[in-house]
Amino acid sequence: MNRVMNSMDPASLKNQNRARRSGMPNQVYGEAGRNFVKYFEERVDMLWRYSIEMLYMKGRTIATLDQQIEQIKLKLQNVGPMRPGSLTKQYRLPQQRVGPYYQLSYTHQMKGHTRYVRPQLVSEVRRQIAEYKKFRDLTSRWVTLSIARSQLAMKLVVAP
């Protein structure tokens, strides 16, 4: 009982939060923790950009939104070979850091997949993952602009 009370102590909670902010998951979970933090930060960044874009949609016209959508379509034509996922470096004996290998993890059609990647292909797989992130960002912006265009068009329609 005393132990439970101590864990709920405000000073203890403050220290736990400080440990979380200081990168404790990275220390505890290693590469997987760093990948999760990176993934989470990317998602927060994408949502932040989405909300900022929606804020600045005020004052725009359908023509400017159409022009921006066309620019995104042109950028999408230049997207190269891509693949979803995250690439991690793992070890057969993690404590001794012996036997490094690379592992690609991704989800496709609601199924998780894991593939081993040869060391000579790591840079190519990283490029493909970067292209996929670029594709995902562009399509997210396209959807944001399309929603704003639709909302603007609905406001312009005069009710009978």
C-alpha atoms as a PDB file:
ATOM      1  CA  MET A   1       0.000   0.000   0.000  1.00  0.00           C
ATOM      2  CA  ASN A   2       2.796   2.376   0.890  1.00  0.00           C
ATOM      3  CA  ARG A   3       4.556   1.589  -2.391  1.00  0.00           C
ATOM      4  CA  VAL A   4       1.424   2.460  -4.390  1.00  0.00           C
ATOM      5  CA  MET A   5       1.083   5.757  -2.582  1.00  0.00           C
ATOM      6  CA  ASN A   6       4.720   6.611  -3.332  1.00  0.00           C
ATOM      7  CA  SER A   7       4.284   5.907  -7.054  1.00  0.00           C
ATOM      8  CA  MET A   8       1.369   8.343  -7.139  1.00  0.00           C
ATOM      9  CA  ASP A   9       3.357  11.002  -5.323  1.00  0.00           C
ATOM     10  CA  PRO A  10       3.483  14.207  -7.442  1.00  0.00           C
ATOM     11  CA  ALA A  11       7.279  14.325  -7.223  1.00  0.00           C
ATOM     12  CA  SER A  12       7.471  10.737  -8.450  1.00  0.00           C
ATOM     13  CA  LEU A  13       5.111  11.469 -11.334  1.00  0.00           C
ATOM     14  CA  LYS A  14       7.149  14.532 -12.226  1.00  0.00           C
ATOM     15  CA  ASN A  15      10.300  12.395 -12.384  1.00  0.00           C
ATOM     16  CA  GLN A  16       8.524   9.813 -14.560  1.00  0.00           C
ATOM     17  CA  ASN A  17       7.412  12.520 -16.977  1.00  0.00           C
ATOM     18  CA  ARG A  18      10.925  13.961 -17.037  1.00  0.00           C
ATOM     19  CA  ALA A  19      12.299  10.510 -17.855  1.00  0.00           C
ATOM     20  CA  ARG A  20       9.818  10.158 -20.714  1.00  0.00           C
ATOM     21  CA  ARG A  21      10.740  13.545 -22.164  1.00  0.00           C
ATOM     22  CA  SER A  22      14.454  12.874 -21.841  1.00  0.00           C
ATOM     23  CA  GLY A  23      14.307   9.902 -24.197  1.00  0.00           C
ATOM     24  CA  MET A  24      13.785   7.103 -21.717  1.00  0.00           C
ATOM     25  CA  PRO A  25      11.909   4.966 -24.306  1.00  0.00           C
ATOM     26  CA  ASN A  26      14.981   5.186 -26.509  1.00  0.00           C
ATOM     27  CA  GLN A  27      17.163   3.884 -23.708  1.00  0.00           C
ATOM     28  CA  VAL A  28      14.777   1.132 -22.681  1.00  0.00           C
ATOM     29  CA  TYR A  29      13.596  -0.052 -26.098  1.00  0.00           C
ATOM     30  CA  GLY A  30      16.648   0.789 -28.221  1.00  0.00           C
ATOM     31  CA  GLU A  31      16.166   1.026 -31.985  1.00  0.00           C
ATOM     32  CA  ALA A  32      12.463   0.133 -31.814  1.00  0.00           C
ATOM     33  CA  GLY A  33      11.869   2.972 -29.334  1.00  0.00           C
ATOM     34  CA  ARG A  34      13.678   5.467 -31.557  1.00  0.00           C
ATOM     35  CA  ASN A  35      11.670   4.322 -34.582  1.00  0.00           C
ATOM     36  CA  PHE A  36       8.411   4.676 -32.680  1.00  0.00           C
ATOM     37  CA  VAL A  37       9.320   8.166 -31.480  1.00  0.00           C
ATOM     38  CA  LYS A  38      10.301   9.142 -35.046  1.00  0.00           C
ATOM     39  CA  TYR A  39       7.048   7.690 -36.440  1.00  0.00           C
ATOM     40  CA  PHE A  40       4.997   9.489 -33.776  1.00  0.00           C
ATOM     41  CA  GLU A  41       6.760  12.802 -34.432  1.00  0.00           C
ATOM     42  CA  GLU A  42       6.116  12.442 -38.189  1.00  0.00           C
ATOM     43  CA  ARG A  43       2.403  11.833 -37.578  1.00  0.00           C
ATOM     44  CA  VAL A  44       2.128  14.828 -35.228  1.00  0.00           C
ATOM     45  CA  ASP A  45       3.968  16.961 -37.788  1.00  0.00           C
ATOM     46  CA  MET A  46       1.605  15.835 -40.556  1.00  0.00           C
ATOM     47  CA  LEU A  47      -1.478  16.592 -38.436  1.00  0.00           C
ATOM     48  CA  TRP A  48      -0.031  19.964 -37.460  1.00  0.00           C
ATOM     49  CA  ARG A  49       0.531  20.879 -41.115  1.00  0.00           C
ATOM     50  CA  TYR A  50      -2.999  19.728 -41.930  1.00  0.00           C
ATOM     51  CA  SER A  51      -4.527  21.980 -39.251  1.00  0.00           C
ATOM     52  CA  ILE A  52      -2.351  24.937 -40.308  1.00  0.00           C
ATOM     53  CA  GLU A  53      -3.358  24.468 -43.951  1.00  0.00           C
ATOM     54  CA  MET A  54      -7.030  24.351 -42.991  1.00  0.00           C
ATOM     55  CA  LEU A  55      -6.576  27.577 -41.016  1.00  0.00           C
ATOM     56  CA  TYR A  56      -5.079  29.338 -44.027  1.00  0.00           C
ATOM     57  CA  MET A  57      -7.772  28.105 -46.406  1.00  0.00           C
ATOM     58  CA  LYS A  58      -9.814  31.155 -45.449  1.00  0.00           C
ATOM     59  CA  GLY A  59      -9.568  33.785 -48.141  1.00  0.00           C
ATOM     60  CA  ARG A  60      -8.591  31.329 -50.881  1.00  0.00           C
ATOM     61  CA  THR A  61     -10.510  30.884 -54.086  1.00  0.00           C
ATOM     62  CA  ILE A  62     -11.430  27.721 -55.931  1.00  0.00           C
ATOM     63  CA  ALA A  63      -8.992  28.693 -58.692  1.00  0.00           C
ATOM     64  CA  THR A  64      -6.026  28.946 -56.314  1.00  0.00           C
ATOM     65  CA  LEU A  65      -6.953  25.641 -54.681  1.00  0.00           C
ATOM     66  CA  ASP A  66      -7.214  24.000 -58.120  1.00  0.00           C
ATOM     67  CA  GLN A  67      -3.813  25.417 -59.035  1.00  0.00           C
ATOM     68  CA  GLN A  68      -2.235  24.001 -55.872  1.00  0.00           C
ATOM     69  CA  ILE A  69      -3.845  20.605 -56.515  1.00  0.00           C
ATOM     70  CA  GLU A  70      -2.404  20.605 -60.043  1.00  0.00           C
ATOM     71  CA  GLN A  71       1.063  21.372 -58.632  1.00  0.00           C
ATOM     72  CA  ILE A  72       0.743  18.406 -56.299  1.00  0.00           C
ATOM     73  CA  LYS A  73      -0.308  16.179 -59.214  1.00  0.00           C
ATOM     74  CA  LEU A  74       2.823  17.234 -61.107  1.00  0.00           C
ATOM     75  CA  LYS A  75       4.999  16.407 -58.090  1.00  0.00           C
ATOM     76  CA  LEU A  76       3.320  13.012 -57.807  1.00  0.00           C
ATOM     77  CA  GLN A  77       4.386  12.207 -61.364  1.00  0.00           C
ATOM     78  CA  ASN A  78       8.016  12.488 -60.239  1.00  0.00           C
ATOM     79  CA  VAL A  79       7.705  10.051 -57.347  1.00  0.00           C
ATOM     80  CA  GLY A  80      10.063   7.139 -57.939  1.00  0.00           C
ATOM     81  CA  PRO A  81      10.066   3.550 -56.710  1.00  0.00           C
ATOM     82  CA  MET A  82       8.611   3.395 -53.228  1.00  0.00           C
ATOM     83  CA  ARG A  83       7.667   1.047 -50.451  1.00  0.00           C
ATOM     84  CA  PRO A  84       6.067   1.540 -47.043  1.00  0.00           C
ATOM     85  CA  GLY A  85       7.649   0.534 -43.781  1.00  0.00           C
ATOM     86  CA  SER A  86      10.497   1.153 -41.445  1.00  0.00           C
ATOM     87  CA  LEU A  87      13.990  -0.230 -41.604  1.00  0.00           C
ATOM     88  CA  THR A  88      15.703  -1.243 -38.381  1.00  0.00           C
ATOM     89  CA  LYS A  89      19.126  -2.574 -37.574  1.00  0.00           C
ATOM     90  CA  GLN A  90      18.950  -5.504 -35.207  1.00  0.00           C
ATOM     91  CA  TYR A  91      21.471  -7.866 -33.645  1.00  0.00           C
ATOM     92  CA  ARG A  92      21.414 -11.627 -33.209  1.00  0.00           C
ATOM     93  CA  LEU A  93      23.035 -11.092 -29.798  1.00  0.00           C
ATOM     94  CA  PRO A  94      21.830  -7.639 -28.745  1.00  0.00           C
ATOM     95  CA  GLN A  95      23.765  -7.433 -25.478  1.00  0.00           C
ATOM     96  CA  GLN A  96      27.095  -7.985 -27.242  1.00  0.00           C
ATOM     97  CA  ARG A  97      25.964  -6.226 -30.441  1.00  0.00           C
ATOM     98  CA  VAL A  98      27.012  -9.250 -32.487  1.00  0.00           C
ATOM     99  CA  GLY A  99      25.500 -10.351 -35.772  1.00  0.00           C
ATOM    100  CA  PRO A 100      23.897  -7.187 -37.162  1.00  0.00           C
ATOM    101  CA  TYR A 101      21.125  -7.509 -39.734  1.00  0.00           C
ATOM    102  CA  TYR A 102      18.501  -5.203 -41.220  1.00  0.00           C
ATOM    103  CA  GLN A 103      14.797  -5.790 -41.001  1.00  0.00           C
ATOM    104  CA  LEU A 104      12.022  -4.090 -42.958  1.00  0.00           C
ATOM    105  CA  SER A 105       8.597  -3.995 -41.295  1.00  0.00           C
ATOM    106  CA  TYR A 106       5.459  -2.763 -42.987  1.00  0.00           C
ATOM    107  CA  THR A 107       1.704  -3.193 -43.160  1.00  0.00           C
ATOM    108  CA  HIS A 108      -0.050  -3.853 -46.460  1.00  0.00           C
ATOM    109  CA  GLN A 109      -3.723  -4.703 -46.901  1.00  0.00           C
ATOM    110  CA  MET A 110      -4.220  -4.894 -43.144  1.00  0.00           C
ATOM    111  CA  LYS A 111      -1.452  -7.490 -42.726  1.00  0.00           C
ATOM    112  CA  GLY A 112       1.909  -6.970 -41.071  1.00  0.00           C
ATOM    113  CA  HIS A 113       5.006  -8.092 -42.951  1.00  0.00           C
ATOM    114  CA  THR A 114       8.656  -8.392 -42.002  1.00  0.00           C
ATOM    115  CA  ARG A 115      11.474  -8.881 -44.476  1.00  0.00           C
ATOM    116  CA  TYR A 116      15.212  -9.227 -44.070  1.00  0.00           C
ATOM    117  CA  VAL A 117      17.275  -6.773 -46.106  1.00  0.00           C
ATOM    118  CA  ARG A 118      20.781  -7.478 -47.320  1.00  0.00           C
ATOM    119  CA  PRO A 119      23.358  -4.878 -46.235  1.00  0.00           C
ATOM    120  CA  GLN A 120      24.144  -3.894 -49.839  1.00  0.00           C
ATOM    121  CA  LEU A 121      20.445  -3.039 -50.424  1.00  0.00           C
ATOM    122  CA  VAL A 122      19.932  -0.908 -47.307  1.00  0.00           C
ATOM    123  CA  SER A 123      20.549   2.449 -49.023  1.00  0.00           C
ATOM    124  CA  GLU A 124      18.115   1.590 -51.851  1.00  0.00           C
ATOM    125  CA  VAL A 125      15.414   0.496 -49.393  1.00  0.00           C
ATOM    126  CA  ARG A 126      15.903   3.737 -47.431  1.00  0.00           C
ATOM    127  CA  ARG A 127      15.413   5.734 -50.649  1.00  0.00           C
ATOM    128  CA  GLN A 128      12.229   3.787 -51.399  1.00  0.00           C
ATOM    129  CA  ILE A 129      10.899   4.420 -47.897  1.00  0.00           C
ATOM    130  CA  ALA A 130      11.682   8.146 -48.264  1.00  0.00           C
ATOM    131  CA  GLU A 131       9.811   8.194 -51.585  1.00  0.00           C
ATOM    132  CA  TYR A 132       6.812   6.553 -49.928  1.00  0.00           C
ATOM    133  CA  LYS A 133       6.814   9.201 -47.181  1.00  0.00           C
ATOM    134  CA  LYS A 134       6.973  11.900 -49.872  1.00  0.00           C
ATOM    135  CA  PHE A 135       4.043  10.227 -51.670  1.00  0.00           C
ATOM    136  CA  ARG A 136       2.039   9.983 -48.443  1.00  0.00           C
ATOM    137  CA  ASP A 137       2.696  13.648 -47.621  1.00  0.00           C
ATOM    138  CA  LEU A 138       1.695  14.818 -51.102  1.00  0.00           C
ATOM    139  CA  THR A 139      -1.517  12.775 -51.092  1.00  0.00           C
ATOM    140  CA  SER A 140      -2.338  14.064 -47.611  1.00  0.00           C
ATOM    141  CA  ARG A 141      -1.932  17.641 -48.837  1.00  0.00           C
ATOM    142  CA  TRP A 142      -4.039  16.840 -51.906  1.00  0.00           C
ATOM    143  CA  VAL A 143      -6.854  15.547 -49.710  1.00  0.00           C
ATOM    144  CA  THR A 144      -6.580  18.617 -47.465  1.00  0.00           C
ATOM    145  CA  LEU A 145      -6.855  20.953 -50.444  1.00  0.00           C
ATOM    146  CA  SER A 146      -9.713  18.927 -51.926  1.00  0.00           C
ATOM    147  CA  ILE A 147     -11.649  19.122 -48.668  1.00  0.00           C
ATOM    148  CA  ALA A 148     -11.090  22.881 -48.528  1.00  0.00           C
ATOM    149  CA  ARG A 149     -12.170  23.208 -52.173  1.00  0.00           C
ATOM    150  CA  SER A 150     -15.321  21.193 -51.528  1.00  0.00           C
ATOM    151  CA  GLN A 151     -16.186  23.230 -48.431  1.00  0.00           C
ATOM    152  CA  LEU A 152     -15.632  26.469 -50.344  1.00  0.00           C
ATOM    153  CA  ALA A 153     -17.780  25.253 -53.240  1.00  0.00           C
ATOM    154  CA  MET A 154     -20.583  24.305 -50.834  1.00  0.00           C
ATOM    155  CA  LYS A 155     -20.474  27.787 -49.296  1.00  0.00           C
ATOM    156  CA  LEU A 156     -20.751  29.386 -52.728  1.00  0.00           C
ATOM    157  CA  VAL A 157     -23.846  27.416 -53.704  1.00  0.00           C
ATOM    158  CA  VAL A 158     -26.924  29.534 -53.132  1.00  0.00           C
ATOM    159  CA  ALA A 159     -29.762  27.660 -51.469  1.00  0.00           C
ATOM    160  CA  PRO A 160     -33.103  27.845 -53.395  1.00  0.00           C
END
